[in-house]
Amino acid sequence: MNGQLRGKTAIVTGAASGIGRATAALFAARGAAVLAVDRDEEGLLELRDEAGGEVAVLAVDLTAAGAAERVFDHCVEILGAPNVLANVAGRAGDRSAADTTDEDFESFLRINLGTTFALSRRAVIAFGDAGGAIVNTSSAFALTGVAGSAPYSAAKGAVSSLTRQMAADYGRRGIRVNAVAPGLIETPATRAKIAAGVFDDLVTRSRPLPRVGQPIDVARVLAFLASDEAAFVTGLTIPVDGGWTSTHFRG
């Protein structure tokens, strides 16, 4: 599996920490040339120093005007034309619709859906007729109703819908578009709540695989979907959640 992505040039967003960092490092370890993108320049530089393969970095706010074009232009200049895009950057949050302001809702949409849309649109232009793979990050919360997560779940549900639509639009050009839907994963954003047991009843004890997920669990599925081993897979959102969305567990 170490050469699974050899010959690929991949852009990975949200790469300074959590799932994005694990994904960028794994892609590089499996042979891809990687452009790691995030707002956190320090985290990106740490990733570059620690990764075992070819990793270039770009610190940029993906919500800024022209950010997608800047990312792809930088990739072409530094690594060559990309043929893989991993949209991992996003924002989580717990609130109901009544507790969500218009500004908050716009923020959830812009960060989770808007950046994915803009980068994916630029990707299909950059890929041309040579084909490629886009792998998006949806959420288990997009696949089932969870109280107190309206704006986040809505944005991630739209990511899954966009995944299906772009798979339909661009499959005849050899471009595959898939997504993962992570469940509870231990990242800097969730670590304190996990340690405090906040998710024990809602998530950990209610699924057949009771451990907390790790970023590498998601990165491995993203790597598969980005590789030629998934050459006949497109339009799917694959849960990576220990069985939380597909089972009702009594333990």
C-alpha atoms as a PDB file:
ATOM      1  CA  MET A   1       0.000   0.000   0.000  1.00  0.00           C
ATOM      2  CA  ASN A   2       2.986   2.367   0.350  1.00  0.00           C
ATOM      3  CA  GLY A   3       2.930   3.153  -3.366  1.00  0.00           C
ATOM      4  CA  GLN A   4      -0.848   3.380  -3.660  1.00  0.00           C
ATOM      5  CA  LEU A   5      -0.719   7.077  -4.651  1.00  0.00           C
ATOM      6  CA  ARG A   6       2.565   7.090  -6.568  1.00  0.00           C
ATOM      7  CA  GLY A   7       2.307   9.407  -9.559  1.00  0.00           C
ATOM      8  CA  LYS A   8      -0.489  11.477  -7.999  1.00  0.00           C
ATOM      9  CA  THR A   9      -0.270  15.179  -7.232  1.00  0.00           C
ATOM     10  CA  ALA A  10      -2.722  16.042  -4.474  1.00  0.00           C
ATOM     11  CA  ILE A  11      -4.050  19.178  -2.837  1.00  0.00           C
ATOM     12  CA  VAL A  12      -5.162  18.598   0.773  1.00  0.00           C
ATOM     13  CA  THR A  13      -6.988  21.338   2.682  1.00  0.00           C
ATOM     14  CA  GLY A  14      -7.254  21.652   6.450  1.00  0.00           C
ATOM     15  CA  ALA A  15      -3.821  20.057   6.543  1.00  0.00           C
ATOM     16  CA  ALA A  16      -2.374  21.729   9.628  1.00  0.00           C
ATOM     17  CA  SER A  17      -4.169  19.507  12.147  1.00  0.00           C
ATOM     18  CA  GLY A  18      -6.608  16.686  12.707  1.00  0.00           C
ATOM     19  CA  ILE A  19      -7.968  14.710   9.768  1.00  0.00           C
ATOM     20  CA  GLY A  20      -6.396  17.003   7.188  1.00  0.00           C
ATOM     21  CA  ARG A  21      -2.941  16.612   8.679  1.00  0.00           C
ATOM     22  CA  ALA A  22      -3.242  12.827   8.850  1.00  0.00           C
ATOM     23  CA  THR A  23      -4.478  12.799   5.255  1.00  0.00           C
ATOM     24  CA  ALA A  24      -1.654  14.939   3.894  1.00  0.00           C
ATOM     25  CA  ALA A  25       0.950  12.840   5.710  1.00  0.00           C
ATOM     26  CA  LEU A  26      -0.582   9.553   4.540  1.00  0.00           C
ATOM     27  CA  PHE A  27      -0.887  10.721   0.937  1.00  0.00           C
ATOM     28  CA  ALA A  28       2.806  11.666   0.982  1.00  0.00           C
ATOM     29  CA  ALA A  29       3.782   8.382   2.622  1.00  0.00           C
ATOM     30  CA  ARG A  30       1.928   6.509  -0.124  1.00  0.00           C
ATOM     31  CA  GLY A  31       3.812   8.276  -2.874  1.00  0.00           C
ATOM     32  CA  ALA A  32       1.826  11.405  -3.757  1.00  0.00           C
ATOM     33  CA  ALA A  33       3.314  14.852  -4.144  1.00  0.00           C
ATOM     34  CA  VAL A  34       1.197  16.920  -1.746  1.00  0.00           C
ATOM     35  CA  LEU A  35       0.313  20.581  -1.467  1.00  0.00           C
ATOM     36  CA  ALA A  36      -0.866  21.028   2.127  1.00  0.00           C
ATOM     37  CA  VAL A  37      -3.196  24.004   2.573  1.00  0.00           C
ATOM     38  CA  ASP A  38      -4.439  25.675   5.758  1.00  0.00           C
ATOM     39  CA  ARG A  39      -4.637  29.062   7.485  1.00  0.00           C
ATOM     40  CA  ASP A  40      -2.247  27.824  10.185  1.00  0.00           C
ATOM     41  CA  GLU A  41       1.227  28.323   8.705  1.00  0.00           C
ATOM     42  CA  GLU A  42       3.008  27.022  11.812  1.00  0.00           C
ATOM     43  CA  GLY A  43       1.054  23.779  11.716  1.00  0.00           C
ATOM     44  CA  LEU A  44       1.792  23.390   8.026  1.00  0.00           C
ATOM     45  CA  LEU A  45       5.507  23.816   8.560  1.00  0.00           C
ATOM     46  CA  GLU A  46       5.435  21.206  11.330  1.00  0.00           C
ATOM     47  CA  LEU A  47       3.659  18.817   8.971  1.00  0.00           C
ATOM     48  CA  ARG A  48       6.218  19.426   6.236  1.00  0.00           C
ATOM     49  CA  ASP A  49       9.086  18.740   8.638  1.00  0.00           C
ATOM     50  CA  GLU A  50       7.499  15.548   9.954  1.00  0.00           C
ATOM     51  CA  ALA A  51       6.106  14.062   6.743  1.00  0.00           C
ATOM     52  CA  GLY A  52       8.139  11.385   5.070  1.00  0.00           C
ATOM     53  CA  GLY A  53       7.374  12.320   1.460  1.00  0.00           C
ATOM     54  CA  GLU A  54       7.158  15.306  -0.862  1.00  0.00           C
ATOM     55  CA  VAL A  55       5.096  18.011   0.834  1.00  0.00           C
ATOM     56  CA  ALA A  56       4.798  21.672  -0.116  1.00  0.00           C
ATOM     57  CA  VAL A  57       2.707  24.064   1.955  1.00  0.00           C
ATOM     58  CA  LEU A  58       0.522  27.108   1.352  1.00  0.00           C
ATOM     59  CA  ALA A  59      -0.972  29.217   4.142  1.00  0.00           C
ATOM     60  CA  VAL A  60      -4.202  30.799   2.880  1.00  0.00           C
ATOM     61  CA  ASP A  61      -7.706  31.634   4.096  1.00  0.00           C
ATOM     62  CA  LEU A  62      -9.862  29.491   1.822  1.00  0.00           C
ATOM     63  CA  THR A  63     -12.879  31.744   2.365  1.00  0.00           C
ATOM     64  CA  ALA A  64     -11.078  34.730   0.823  1.00  0.00           C
ATOM     65  CA  ALA A  65     -11.888  35.859  -2.704  1.00  0.00           C
ATOM     66  CA  GLY A  66      -9.730  34.115  -5.295  1.00  0.00           C
ATOM     67  CA  ALA A  67      -8.371  31.568  -2.809  1.00  0.00           C
ATOM     68  CA  ALA A  68      -9.196  28.537  -4.972  1.00  0.00           C
ATOM     69  CA  GLU A  69      -7.361  29.981  -7.958  1.00  0.00           C
ATOM     70  CA  ARG A  70      -4.392  30.822  -5.760  1.00  0.00           C
ATOM     71  CA  VAL A  71      -4.223  27.263  -4.421  1.00  0.00           C
ATOM     72  CA  PHE A  72      -4.277  25.645  -7.852  1.00  0.00           C
ATOM     73  CA  ASP A  73      -1.860  28.144  -9.384  1.00  0.00           C
ATOM     74  CA  HIS A  74       0.583  27.498  -6.535  1.00  0.00           C
ATOM     75  CA  CYS A  75       0.283  23.737  -6.966  1.00  0.00           C
ATOM     76  CA  VAL A  76       1.013  23.951 -10.688  1.00  0.00           C
ATOM     77  CA  GLU A  77       3.991  26.214 -10.044  1.00  0.00           C
ATOM     78  CA  ILE A  78       5.543  24.143  -7.251  1.00  0.00           C
ATOM     79  CA  LEU A  79       4.490  20.523  -7.906  1.00  0.00           C
ATOM     80  CA  GLY A  80       2.842  20.441 -11.317  1.00  0.00           C
ATOM     81  CA  ALA A  81      -0.756  19.921 -12.342  1.00  0.00           C
ATOM     82  CA  PRO A  82      -2.849  18.220  -9.631  1.00  0.00           C
ATOM     83  CA  ASN A  83      -5.016  15.189 -10.228  1.00  0.00           C
ATOM     84  CA  VAL A  84      -6.355  14.745  -6.682  1.00  0.00           C
ATOM     85  CA  LEU A  85      -8.213  17.210  -4.460  1.00  0.00           C
ATOM     86  CA  ALA A  86      -9.002  16.332  -0.836  1.00  0.00           C
ATOM     87  CA  ASN A  87     -11.428  18.849   0.680  1.00  0.00           C
ATOM     88  CA  VAL A  88     -10.965  18.376   4.417  1.00  0.00           C
ATOM     89  CA  ALA A  89     -11.113  21.921   5.814  1.00  0.00           C
ATOM     90  CA  GLY A  90     -14.339  22.719   7.655  1.00  0.00           C
ATOM     91  CA  ARG A  91     -16.040  23.995  10.765  1.00  0.00           C
ATOM     92  CA  ALA A  92     -18.061  22.025  13.311  1.00  0.00           C
ATOM     93  CA  GLY A  93     -20.479  23.394  15.883  1.00  0.00           C
ATOM     94  CA  ASP A  94     -23.421  22.497  18.120  1.00  0.00           C
ATOM     95  CA  ARG A  95     -26.569  24.619  17.919  1.00  0.00           C
ATOM     96  CA  SER A  96     -30.197  24.386  16.898  1.00  0.00           C
ATOM     97  CA  ALA A  97     -31.797  26.371  14.093  1.00  0.00           C
ATOM     98  CA  ALA A  98     -33.405  28.780  16.582  1.00  0.00           C
ATOM     99  CA  ASP A  99     -30.006  29.451  18.157  1.00  0.00           C
ATOM    100  CA  THR A 100     -28.290  30.144  14.831  1.00  0.00           C
ATOM    101  CA  THR A 101     -27.963  33.711  13.572  1.00  0.00           C
ATOM    102  CA  ASP A 102     -27.923  34.545   9.882  1.00  0.00           C
ATOM    103  CA  GLU A 103     -24.243  35.397  10.219  1.00  0.00           C
ATOM    104  CA  ASP A 104     -23.481  32.059  11.861  1.00  0.00           C
ATOM    105  CA  PHE A 105     -25.413  30.157   9.199  1.00  0.00           C
ATOM    106  CA  GLU A 106     -23.539  31.953   6.431  1.00  0.00           C
ATOM    107  CA  SER A 107     -20.265  31.103   8.151  1.00  0.00           C
ATOM    108  CA  PHE A 108     -21.092  27.386   8.351  1.00  0.00           C
ATOM    109  CA  LEU A 109     -22.086  27.366   4.690  1.00  0.00           C
ATOM    110  CA  ARG A 110     -19.076  29.353   3.543  1.00  0.00           C
ATOM    111  CA  ILE A 111     -16.485  27.260   5.358  1.00  0.00           C
ATOM    112  CA  ASN A 112     -17.999  23.798   4.900  1.00  0.00           C
ATOM    113  CA  LEU A 113     -19.762  24.083   1.550  1.00  0.00           C
ATOM    114  CA  GLY A 114     -18.484  27.226  -0.145  1.00  0.00           C
ATOM    115  CA  THR A 115     -14.801  26.319   0.007  1.00  0.00           C
ATOM    116  CA  THR A 116     -15.529  22.754  -1.133  1.00  0.00           C
ATOM    117  CA  PHE A 117     -17.567  24.058  -4.065  1.00  0.00           C
ATOM    118  CA  ALA A 118     -14.992  26.651  -5.144  1.00  0.00           C
ATOM    119  CA  LEU A 119     -12.057  24.252  -4.965  1.00  0.00           C
ATOM    120  CA  SER A 120     -13.969  21.443  -6.678  1.00  0.00           C
ATOM    121  CA  ARG A 121     -15.044  23.781  -9.484  1.00  0.00           C
ATOM    122  CA  ARG A 122     -11.432  24.785  -9.977  1.00  0.00           C
ATOM    123  CA  ALA A 123     -10.354  21.126  -9.828  1.00  0.00           C
ATOM    124  CA  VAL A 124     -12.492  19.978 -12.739  1.00  0.00           C
ATOM    125  CA  ILE A 125     -11.042  22.835 -14.804  1.00  0.00           C
ATOM    126  CA  ALA A 126      -7.487  21.897 -13.806  1.00  0.00           C
ATOM    127  CA  PHE A 127      -8.016  18.165 -14.391  1.00  0.00           C
ATOM    128  CA  GLY A 128      -9.267  18.758 -17.923  1.00  0.00           C
ATOM    129  CA  ASP A 129      -9.830  15.532 -19.850  1.00  0.00           C
ATOM    130  CA  ALA A 130      -7.037  13.677 -18.054  1.00  0.00           C
ATOM    131  CA  GLY A 131      -9.328  12.580 -15.215  1.00  0.00           C
ATOM    132  CA  GLY A 132      -8.755  12.811 -11.496  1.00  0.00           C
ATOM    133  CA  ALA A 133     -10.327  12.335  -8.094  1.00  0.00           C
ATOM    134  CA  ILE A 134     -12.075  14.697  -5.711  1.00  0.00           C
ATOM    135  CA  VAL A 135     -12.646  13.467  -2.173  1.00  0.00           C
ATOM    136  CA  ASN A 136     -14.834  15.573   0.096  1.00  0.00           C
ATOM    137  CA  THR A 137     -15.515  15.569   3.814  1.00  0.00           C
ATOM    138  CA  SER A 138     -19.157  15.333   4.794  1.00  0.00           C
ATOM    139  CA  SER A 139     -20.222  14.141   8.251  1.00  0.00           C
ATOM    140  CA  ALA A 140     -22.147  11.393   9.983  1.00  0.00           C
ATOM    141  CA  PHE A 141     -24.424  14.237  11.101  1.00  0.00           C
ATOM    142  CA  ALA A 142     -25.390  14.702   7.446  1.00  0.00           C
ATOM    143  CA  LEU A 143     -26.696  11.129   7.314  1.00  0.00           C
ATOM    144  CA  THR A 144     -28.926  11.103  10.395  1.00  0.00           C
ATOM    145  CA  GLY A 145     -30.747  13.671  12.486  1.00  0.00           C
ATOM    146  CA  VAL A 146     -28.906  14.806  15.601  1.00  0.00           C
ATOM    147  CA  ALA A 147     -30.399  17.374  17.940  1.00  0.00           C
ATOM    148  CA  GLY A 148     -28.550  20.665  18.186  1.00  0.00           C
ATOM    149  CA  SER A 149     -26.585  20.554  14.934  1.00  0.00           C
ATOM    150  CA  ALA A 150     -28.805  22.274  12.347  1.00  0.00           C
ATOM    151  CA  PRO A 151     -26.372  24.599  10.514  1.00  0.00           C
ATOM    152  CA  TYR A 152     -23.469  22.140  10.537  1.00  0.00           C
ATOM    153  CA  SER A 153     -25.625  19.195   9.439  1.00  0.00           C
ATOM    154  CA  ALA A 154     -27.260  21.265   6.698  1.00  0.00           C
ATOM    155  CA  ALA A 155     -23.897  22.349   5.292  1.00  0.00           C
ATOM    156  CA  LYS A 156     -22.453  18.847   5.403  1.00  0.00           C
ATOM    157  CA  GLY A 157     -25.608  17.401   3.858  1.00  0.00           C
ATOM    158  CA  ALA A 158     -25.086  19.810   0.985  1.00  0.00           C
ATOM    159  CA  VAL A 159     -21.518  18.516   0.611  1.00  0.00           C
ATOM    160  CA  SER A 160     -22.868  14.986   0.133  1.00  0.00           C
ATOM    161  CA  SER A 161     -25.380  16.272  -2.429  1.00  0.00           C
ATOM    162  CA  LEU A 162     -22.669  18.204  -4.265  1.00  0.00           C
ATOM    163  CA  THR A 163     -20.572  15.036  -4.308  1.00  0.00           C
ATOM    164  CA  ARG A 164     -23.322  13.103  -6.090  1.00  0.00           C
ATOM    165  CA  GLN A 165     -24.047  15.890  -8.567  1.00  0.00           C
ATOM    166  CA  MET A 166     -20.423  16.438  -9.555  1.00  0.00           C
ATOM    167  CA  ALA A 167     -19.934  12.691  -9.944  1.00  0.00           C
ATOM    168  CA  ALA A 168     -22.828  12.748 -12.410  1.00  0.00           C
ATOM    169  CA  ASP A 169     -21.528  15.801 -14.259  1.00  0.00           C
ATOM    170  CA  TYR A 170     -17.896  14.777 -14.670  1.00  0.00           C
ATOM    171  CA  GLY A 171     -17.712  10.990 -14.655  1.00  0.00           C
ATOM    172  CA  ARG A 172     -17.585  10.836 -18.453  1.00  0.00           C
ATOM    173  CA  ARG A 173     -14.370  12.872 -18.246  1.00  0.00           C
ATOM    174  CA  GLY A 174     -12.783  10.311 -15.925  1.00  0.00           C
ATOM    175  CA  ILE A 175     -13.256  12.448 -12.810  1.00  0.00           C
ATOM    176  CA  ARG A 176     -14.463  10.567  -9.755  1.00  0.00           C
ATOM    177  CA  VAL A 177     -16.078  12.433  -6.838  1.00  0.00           C
ATOM    178  CA  ASN A 178     -16.656  10.778  -3.477  1.00  0.00           C
ATOM    179  CA  ALA A 179     -16.917  11.785   0.166  1.00  0.00           C
ATOM    180  CA  VAL A 180     -16.307  10.430   3.636  1.00  0.00           C
ATOM    181  CA  ALA A 181     -18.654  11.052   6.542  1.00  0.00           C
ATOM    182  CA  PRO A 182     -16.622  10.923   9.751  1.00  0.00           C
ATOM    183  CA  GLY A 183     -18.282  10.215  13.057  1.00  0.00           C
ATOM    184  CA  LEU A 184     -16.641  11.107  16.354  1.00  0.00           C
ATOM    185  CA  ILE A 185     -12.926  11.559  15.654  1.00  0.00           C
ATOM    186  CA  GLU A 186     -10.343  12.695  18.199  1.00  0.00           C
ATOM    187  CA  THR A 187      -8.905  15.977  16.926  1.00  0.00           C
ATOM    188  CA  PRO A 188      -7.785  19.196  18.633  1.00  0.00           C
ATOM    189  CA  ALA A 189     -11.367  20.438  18.260  1.00  0.00           C
ATOM    190  CA  THR A 190     -12.947  17.430  20.037  1.00  0.00           C
ATOM    191  CA  ARG A 191     -10.246  16.240  22.433  1.00  0.00           C
ATOM    192  CA  ALA A 192     -11.392  18.146  25.533  1.00  0.00           C
ATOM    193  CA  LYS A 193     -15.035  17.078  25.153  1.00  0.00           C
ATOM    194  CA  ILE A 194     -14.003  13.462  24.594  1.00  0.00           C
ATOM    195  CA  ALA A 195     -11.902  13.523  27.751  1.00  0.00           C
ATOM    196  CA  ALA A 196     -14.854  14.980  29.663  1.00  0.00           C
ATOM    197  CA  GLY A 197     -17.126  12.159  28.481  1.00  0.00           C
ATOM    198  CA  VAL A 198     -19.507  14.475  26.606  1.00  0.00           C
ATOM    199  CA  PHE A 199     -19.976  11.991  23.754  1.00  0.00           C
ATOM    200  CA  ASP A 200     -20.047   8.772  25.769  1.00  0.00           C
ATOM    201  CA  ASP A 201     -23.814   8.170  25.724  1.00  0.00           C
ATOM    202  CA  LEU A 202     -24.623   9.799  22.373  1.00  0.00           C
ATOM    203  CA  VAL A 203     -21.842   8.200  20.355  1.00  0.00           C
ATOM    204  CA  THR A 204     -19.228   5.953  21.906  1.00  0.00           C
ATOM    205  CA  ARG A 205     -21.433   3.509  23.823  1.00  0.00           C
ATOM    206  CA  SER A 206     -24.179   3.484  21.188  1.00  0.00           C
ATOM    207  CA  ARG A 207     -22.193   1.949  18.316  1.00  0.00           C
ATOM    208  CA  PRO A 208     -20.718  -1.518  17.796  1.00  0.00           C
ATOM    209  CA  LEU A 209     -17.124  -0.267  17.573  1.00  0.00           C
ATOM    210  CA  PRO A 210     -16.906   1.664  20.841  1.00  0.00           C
ATOM    211  CA  ARG A 211     -13.495   3.273  20.597  1.00  0.00           C
ATOM    212  CA  VAL A 212     -13.060   6.895  19.610  1.00  0.00           C
ATOM    213  CA  GLY A 213     -12.029   7.286  15.979  1.00  0.00           C
ATOM    214  CA  GLN A 214      -8.623   8.661  15.061  1.00  0.00           C
ATOM    215  CA  PRO A 215      -7.731  10.943  12.135  1.00  0.00           C
ATOM    216  CA  ILE A 216      -5.818   8.115  10.450  1.00  0.00           C
ATOM    217  CA  ASP A 217      -9.057   6.073  10.289  1.00  0.00           C
ATOM    218  CA  VAL A 218     -10.546   8.713   8.004  1.00  0.00           C
ATOM    219  CA  ALA A 219      -7.304   9.382   6.134  1.00  0.00           C
ATOM    220  CA  ARG A 220      -7.058   5.743   5.060  1.00  0.00           C
ATOM    221  CA  VAL A 221     -10.495   5.856   3.448  1.00  0.00           C
ATOM    222  CA  LEU A 222      -9.682   9.157   1.742  1.00  0.00           C
ATOM    223  CA  ALA A 223      -6.465   7.620   0.412  1.00  0.00           C
ATOM    224  CA  PHE A 224      -8.355   4.649  -0.997  1.00  0.00           C
ATOM    225  CA  LEU A 225     -10.917   6.886  -2.701  1.00  0.00           C
ATOM    226  CA  ALA A 226      -8.154   9.045  -4.172  1.00  0.00           C
ATOM    227  CA  SER A 227      -6.289   6.037  -5.550  1.00  0.00           C
ATOM    228  CA  ASP A 228      -6.754   3.984  -8.695  1.00  0.00           C
ATOM    229  CA  GLU A 229      -7.886   1.110  -6.487  1.00  0.00           C
ATOM    230  CA  ALA A 230     -11.218   2.965  -6.302  1.00  0.00           C
ATOM    231  CA  ALA A 231     -11.349   3.403 -10.083  1.00  0.00           C
ATOM    232  CA  PHE A 232     -14.965   2.157 -10.286  1.00  0.00           C
ATOM    233  CA  VAL A 233     -16.266   4.064  -7.253  1.00  0.00           C
ATOM    234  CA  THR A 234     -17.938   7.465  -7.597  1.00  0.00           C
ATOM    235  CA  GLY A 235     -20.813   9.480  -6.166  1.00  0.00           C
ATOM    236  CA  LEU A 236     -20.682   7.878  -2.717  1.00  0.00           C
ATOM    237  CA  THR A 237     -20.542   9.247   0.804  1.00  0.00           C
ATOM    238  CA  ILE A 238     -18.886   6.589   2.959  1.00  0.00           C
ATOM    239  CA  PRO A 239     -19.438   6.712   6.733  1.00  0.00           C
ATOM    240  CA  VAL A 240     -16.324   6.314   8.864  1.00  0.00           C
ATOM    241  CA  ASP A 241     -18.066   6.219  12.215  1.00  0.00           C
ATOM    242  CA  GLY A 242     -17.685   2.830  13.881  1.00  0.00           C
ATOM    243  CA  GLY A 243     -21.173   1.830  12.719  1.00  0.00           C
ATOM    244  CA  TRP A 244     -22.980   4.736  14.398  1.00  0.00           C
ATOM    245  CA  THR A 245     -25.190   5.710  11.447  1.00  0.00           C
ATOM    246  CA  SER A 246     -25.877   2.183  10.192  1.00  0.00           C
ATOM    247  CA  THR A 247     -26.759   0.281  13.363  1.00  0.00           C
ATOM    248  CA  HIS A 248     -28.739   0.492  16.574  1.00  0.00           C
ATOM    249  CA  PHE A 249     -26.552  -1.034  19.220  1.00  0.00           C
ATOM    250  CA  ARG A 250     -27.537  -2.353  22.638  1.00  0.00           C
ATOM    251  CA  GLY A 251     -24.617  -3.094  24.901  1.00  0.00           C
END
